Amino acid sequence: MDGMWKDVGGVYIFSGVKDNIWRAYYIGITDSFQDRHPDHERWEEAKRLGATHVHTRRESQAATRESIERELIGTYHPPLNTAQMTSEVEVAR
């Protein structure tokens, strides 16, 4: 994944357009985009599903990143976040 990533924390979405609608394929958080993104293990998988873009939001607070991630995963149900969705369902029970 090419780009000049900054050493800041945040939330990110691997996404692409399908049927004229943006689709989220993977949603994650990181303490450092610079450390996380150059060789992200899910990027190739996301590209095979249709991802063409990485949308990011800078967020310095870890608790806020985690809250945003949970909300986005719960809303968009990205196919590559199945482990997080399963964990959340188990925790809710």
Protein backbone atom coordinates (compact mmCIF):
# COMPACT_ATOMS: atom_id res chain seq x y z
CA MET A 1 0.00 0.00 0.00
CA ASP A 2 1.78 3.06 -1.25
CA GLY A 3 1.69 6.41 0.44
CA MET A 4 3.31 8.67 2.96
CA TRP A 5 1.74 7.51 6.22
CA LYS A 6 2.08 9.67 9.32
CA ASP A 7 3.06 8.46 12.76
CA VAL A 8 -0.36 9.21 14.28
CA GLY A 9 -3.18 7.02 15.54
CA GLY A 10 -6.58 6.69 13.99
CA VAL A 11 -9.34 4.66 12.40
CA TYR A 12 -9.25 3.37 8.83
CA ILE A 13 -11.56 1.73 6.31
CA PHE A 14 -10.52 -0.30 3.28
CA SER A 15 -13.29 0.48 0.81
CA GLY A 16 -14.39 0.61 -2.80
CA VAL A 17 -17.39 1.49 -4.91
CA LYS A 18 -19.74 -1.30 -5.99
CA ASP A 19 -23.08 -0.62 -7.68
CA ASN A 20 -22.44 3.13 -7.20
CA ILE A 21 -22.27 2.69 -3.40
CA TRP A 22 -19.19 2.87 -1.18
CA ARG A 23 -18.60 -0.49 0.51
CA ALA A 24 -16.47 -1.09 3.60
CA TYR A 25 -14.40 -4.28 3.33
CA TYR A 26 -12.29 -3.90 6.46
CA ILE A 27 -12.31 -1.44 9.37
CA GLY A 28 -9.46 -1.12 11.84
CA ILE A 29 -7.61 1.07 14.30
CA THR A 30 -3.95 1.79 14.83
CA ASP A 31 -1.62 3.66 17.14
CA SER A 32 0.47 4.63 14.09
CA PHE A 33 -0.56 4.68 10.44
CA GLN A 34 3.14 4.77 9.56
CA ASP A 35 3.82 1.48 11.35
CA ARG A 36 0.59 -0.26 10.39
CA HIS A 37 -0.17 0.49 6.76
CA PRO A 38 2.81 -0.11 4.51
CA ASP A 39 2.37 -3.91 4.76
CA HIS A 40 -1.13 -4.38 6.16
CA GLU A 41 -2.01 -8.10 6.15
CA ARG A 42 -5.65 -7.56 5.07
CA TRP A 43 -5.07 -5.12 2.17
CA GLU A 44 -4.58 -7.73 -0.59
CA GLU A 45 -7.66 -9.58 0.61
CA ALA A 46 -9.66 -6.35 0.66
CA LYS A 47 -8.47 -5.50 -2.87
CA ARG A 48 -9.70 -8.89 -4.12
CA LEU A 49 -13.14 -7.99 -2.73
CA GLY A 50 -13.09 -4.59 -4.47
CA ALA A 51 -11.22 -2.18 -2.18
CA THR A 52 -9.55 0.68 -4.01
CA HIS A 53 -9.23 3.28 -1.25
CA VAL A 54 -8.19 3.67 2.36
CA HIS A 55 -10.28 6.21 4.25
CA THR A 56 -8.73 7.43 7.48
CA ARG A 57 -9.60 9.53 10.48
CA ARG A 58 -6.91 10.76 12.80
CA GLU A 59 -7.79 10.14 16.46
CA SER A 60 -5.27 10.43 19.28
CA GLN A 61 -7.39 8.84 22.04
CA ALA A 62 -7.26 5.02 22.04
CA ALA A 63 -10.65 4.67 23.74
CA THR A 64 -12.26 6.91 21.12
CA ARG A 65 -10.64 4.91 18.29
CA GLU A 66 -12.01 1.69 19.76
CA SER A 67 -15.50 3.16 20.14
CA ILE A 68 -15.52 4.47 16.56
CA GLU A 69 -14.27 1.11 15.25
CA ARG A 70 -17.00 -0.82 17.09
CA GLU A 71 -19.70 1.54 15.85
CA LEU A 72 -18.50 1.39 12.23
CA ILE A 73 -18.19 -2.40 12.24
CA GLY A 74 -21.65 -2.72 13.77
CA THR A 75 -23.12 -0.37 11.18
CA TYR A 76 -21.38 -1.54 7.99
CA HIS A 77 -20.61 -5.23 8.72
CA PRO A 78 -17.43 -5.39 6.62
CA PRO A 79 -16.77 -8.96 5.44
CA LEU A 80 -13.16 -9.01 6.66
CA ASN A 81 -14.13 -8.06 10.22
CA THR A 82 -15.99 -11.27 11.00
CA ALA A 83 -13.87 -11.98 14.11
CA GLN A 84 -14.71 -8.61 15.67
CA MET A 85 -18.41 -8.99 14.90
CA THR A 86 -18.50 -12.49 16.43
CA SER A 87 -16.67 -11.30 19.55
CA GLU A 88 -19.08 -8.42 20.02
CA VAL A 89 -22.10 -10.71 19.75
CA GLU A 90 -20.58 -13.06 22.35
CA VAL A 91 -19.82 -10.16 24.70
CA ALA A 92 -23.38 -8.84 24.34
CA ARG A 93 -24.89 -12.18 25.42
